[in-house]
Amino acid sequence: MKKPHQEFWELHPGLVWSNPDAPDSVLIRAALLRPRFQTLLDVAMEFSLERLQQEWELLKTDPEVNTRSAQPIVERCLRNIEQGWHHAAA
């Protein structure tokens, strides 16, 4: 039996190559730490922008995780996704 978002994650192989059965939160955080706009947009569409933002906030406050190099890219991507959704809703 497939887990709820397994087909989605199969479209994004390699995020957690050592554990493809990792929970969604682990896979979302992996996508955030190796940010690519299309991947983050896909995650936002599958799970919601709010969930993506929540996972990012958790990562930023985790003392074990270095988010410094990803931060400008992630925050620009999140801002652009949010702006795009506002324009689409208008």
C-alpha atoms as a PDB file:
ATOM      1  CA  MET A   1       0.000   0.000   0.000  1.00  0.00           C
ATOM      2  CA  LYS A   2       1.403   3.387  -1.017  1.00  0.00           C
ATOM      3  CA  LYS A   3       1.693   6.227   1.459  1.00  0.00           C
ATOM      4  CA  PRO A   4      -0.477   9.269   0.611  1.00  0.00           C
ATOM      5  CA  HIS A   5       2.145  11.376  -1.201  1.00  0.00           C
ATOM      6  CA  GLN A   6       4.396   8.613  -2.515  1.00  0.00           C
ATOM      7  CA  GLU A   7       3.571   9.266  -6.174  1.00  0.00           C
ATOM      8  CA  PHE A   8       4.402  12.944  -5.709  1.00  0.00           C
ATOM      9  CA  TRP A   9       7.792  12.155  -4.174  1.00  0.00           C
ATOM     10  CA  GLU A  10       8.553   9.712  -6.973  1.00  0.00           C
ATOM     11  CA  LEU A  11       8.541  12.762  -9.277  1.00  0.00           C
ATOM     12  CA  HIS A  12      11.342  14.255  -7.145  1.00  0.00           C
ATOM     13  CA  PRO A  13      13.833  11.418  -6.630  1.00  0.00           C
ATOM     14  CA  GLY A  14      17.038  12.045  -4.808  1.00  0.00           C
ATOM     15  CA  LEU A  15      15.866  14.451  -2.122  1.00  0.00           C
ATOM     16  CA  VAL A  16      16.601  11.848   0.523  1.00  0.00           C
ATOM     17  CA  TRP A  17      18.164   9.142  -1.614  1.00  0.00           C
ATOM     18  CA  SER A  18      19.253   7.107   1.404  1.00  0.00           C
ATOM     19  CA  ASN A  19      15.693   6.839   2.723  1.00  0.00           C
ATOM     20  CA  PRO A  20      12.986   7.203   0.093  1.00  0.00           C
ATOM     21  CA  ASP A  21      10.395   6.186   2.703  1.00  0.00           C
ATOM     22  CA  ALA A  22      11.207   9.177   4.907  1.00  0.00           C
ATOM     23  CA  PRO A  23       8.251  11.155   6.267  1.00  0.00           C
ATOM     24  CA  ASP A  24       6.937  14.083   4.242  1.00  0.00           C
ATOM     25  CA  SER A  25       8.433  16.606   6.651  1.00  0.00           C
ATOM     26  CA  VAL A  26      11.935  15.200   6.077  1.00  0.00           C
ATOM     27  CA  LEU A  27      11.483  15.338   2.309  1.00  0.00           C
ATOM     28  CA  ILE A  28      10.086  18.875   2.423  1.00  0.00           C
ATOM     29  CA  ARG A  29      13.025  20.013   4.538  1.00  0.00           C
ATOM     30  CA  ALA A  30      15.460  18.351   2.145  1.00  0.00           C
ATOM     31  CA  ALA A  31      13.854  20.292  -0.711  1.00  0.00           C
ATOM     32  CA  LEU A  32      14.263  23.505   1.275  1.00  0.00           C
ATOM     33  CA  LEU A  33      17.928  22.869   1.988  1.00  0.00           C
ATOM     34  CA  ARG A  34      18.629  22.258  -1.721  1.00  0.00           C
ATOM     35  CA  PRO A  35      16.278  24.878  -3.121  1.00  0.00           C
ATOM     36  CA  ARG A  36      15.108  24.789  -6.681  1.00  0.00           C
ATOM     37  CA  PHE A  37      12.163  26.987  -7.552  1.00  0.00           C
ATOM     38  CA  GLN A  38      10.220  24.322  -9.453  1.00  0.00           C
ATOM     39  CA  THR A  39      10.627  21.767  -6.675  1.00  0.00           C
ATOM     40  CA  LEU A  40       9.508  24.249  -4.023  1.00  0.00           C
ATOM     41  CA  LEU A  41       6.559  25.291  -6.176  1.00  0.00           C
ATOM     42  CA  ASP A  42       5.573  21.639  -6.626  1.00  0.00           C
ATOM     43  CA  VAL A  43       5.816  21.072  -2.865  1.00  0.00           C
ATOM     44  CA  ALA A  44       3.691  24.158  -2.185  1.00  0.00           C
ATOM     45  CA  MET A  45       1.062  22.932  -4.625  1.00  0.00           C
ATOM     46  CA  GLU A  46       1.022  19.433  -3.106  1.00  0.00           C
ATOM     47  CA  PHE A  47       1.173  20.356   0.595  1.00  0.00           C
ATOM     48  CA  SER A  48       0.325  24.115   0.693  1.00  0.00           C
ATOM     49  CA  LEU A  49       2.477  27.183   0.872  1.00  0.00           C
ATOM     50  CA  GLU A  50       1.755  27.425   4.599  1.00  0.00           C
ATOM     51  CA  ARG A  51       3.213  23.960   5.205  1.00  0.00           C
ATOM     52  CA  LEU A  52       6.316  24.845   3.196  1.00  0.00           C
ATOM     53  CA  GLN A  53       6.736  28.060   5.204  1.00  0.00           C
ATOM     54  CA  GLN A  54       6.230  26.213   8.499  1.00  0.00           C
ATOM     55  CA  GLU A  55       8.900  23.654   7.639  1.00  0.00           C
ATOM     56  CA  TRP A  56      11.256  26.486   6.676  1.00  0.00           C
ATOM     57  CA  GLU A  57      10.682  28.263   9.986  1.00  0.00           C
ATOM     58  CA  LEU A  58      11.417  25.013  11.857  1.00  0.00           C
ATOM     59  CA  LEU A  59      14.617  24.517   9.891  1.00  0.00           C
ATOM     60  CA  LYS A  60      15.792  28.060  10.588  1.00  0.00           C
ATOM     61  CA  THR A  61      15.412  27.577  14.332  1.00  0.00           C
ATOM     62  CA  ASP A  62      17.111  24.158  14.420  1.00  0.00           C
ATOM     63  CA  PRO A  63      20.624  24.658  15.839  1.00  0.00           C
ATOM     64  CA  GLU A  64      21.769  21.437  14.143  1.00  0.00           C
ATOM     65  CA  VAL A  65      20.967  22.694  10.633  1.00  0.00           C
ATOM     66  CA  ASN A  66      22.894  25.323   8.696  1.00  0.00           C
ATOM     67  CA  THR A  67      20.381  27.232   6.574  1.00  0.00           C
ATOM     68  CA  ARG A  68      22.612  30.231   5.880  1.00  0.00           C
ATOM     69  CA  SER A  69      23.515  29.392   2.276  1.00  0.00           C
ATOM     70  CA  ALA A  70      19.961  28.352   1.334  1.00  0.00           C
ATOM     71  CA  GLN A  71      18.188  31.210   3.117  1.00  0.00           C
ATOM     72  CA  PRO A  72      18.294  33.935   0.437  1.00  0.00           C
ATOM     73  CA  ILE A  73      17.212  31.521  -2.295  1.00  0.00           C
ATOM     74  CA  VAL A  74      14.450  29.881  -0.243  1.00  0.00           C
ATOM     75  CA  GLU A  75      13.029  33.162   0.960  1.00  0.00           C
ATOM     76  CA  ARG A  76      13.042  34.602  -2.561  1.00  0.00           C
ATOM     77  CA  CYS A  77      11.305  31.470  -3.886  1.00  0.00           C
ATOM     78  CA  LEU A  78       8.693  31.534  -1.110  1.00  0.00           C
ATOM     79  CA  ARG A  79       8.057  35.232  -1.708  1.00  0.00           C
ATOM     80  CA  ASN A  80       7.704  34.701  -5.463  1.00  0.00           C
ATOM     81  CA  ILE A  81       5.338  31.756  -4.982  1.00  0.00           C
ATOM     82  CA  GLU A  82       3.210  33.785  -2.593  1.00  0.00           C
ATOM     83  CA  GLN A  83       3.124  36.770  -4.947  1.00  0.00           C
ATOM     84  CA  GLY A  84       2.244  34.543  -7.875  1.00  0.00           C
ATOM     85  CA  TRP A  85      -0.642  33.013  -5.965  1.00  0.00           C
ATOM     86  CA  HIS A  86      -1.944  36.467  -5.009  1.00  0.00           C
ATOM     87  CA  HIS A  87      -1.833  37.581  -8.649  1.00  0.00           C
ATOM     88  CA  ALA A  88      -3.569  34.380  -9.789  1.00  0.00           C
ATOM     89  CA  ALA A  89      -6.326  34.883  -7.199  1.00  0.00           C
ATOM     90  CA  ALA A  90      -6.945  38.489  -8.264  1.00  0.00           C
END
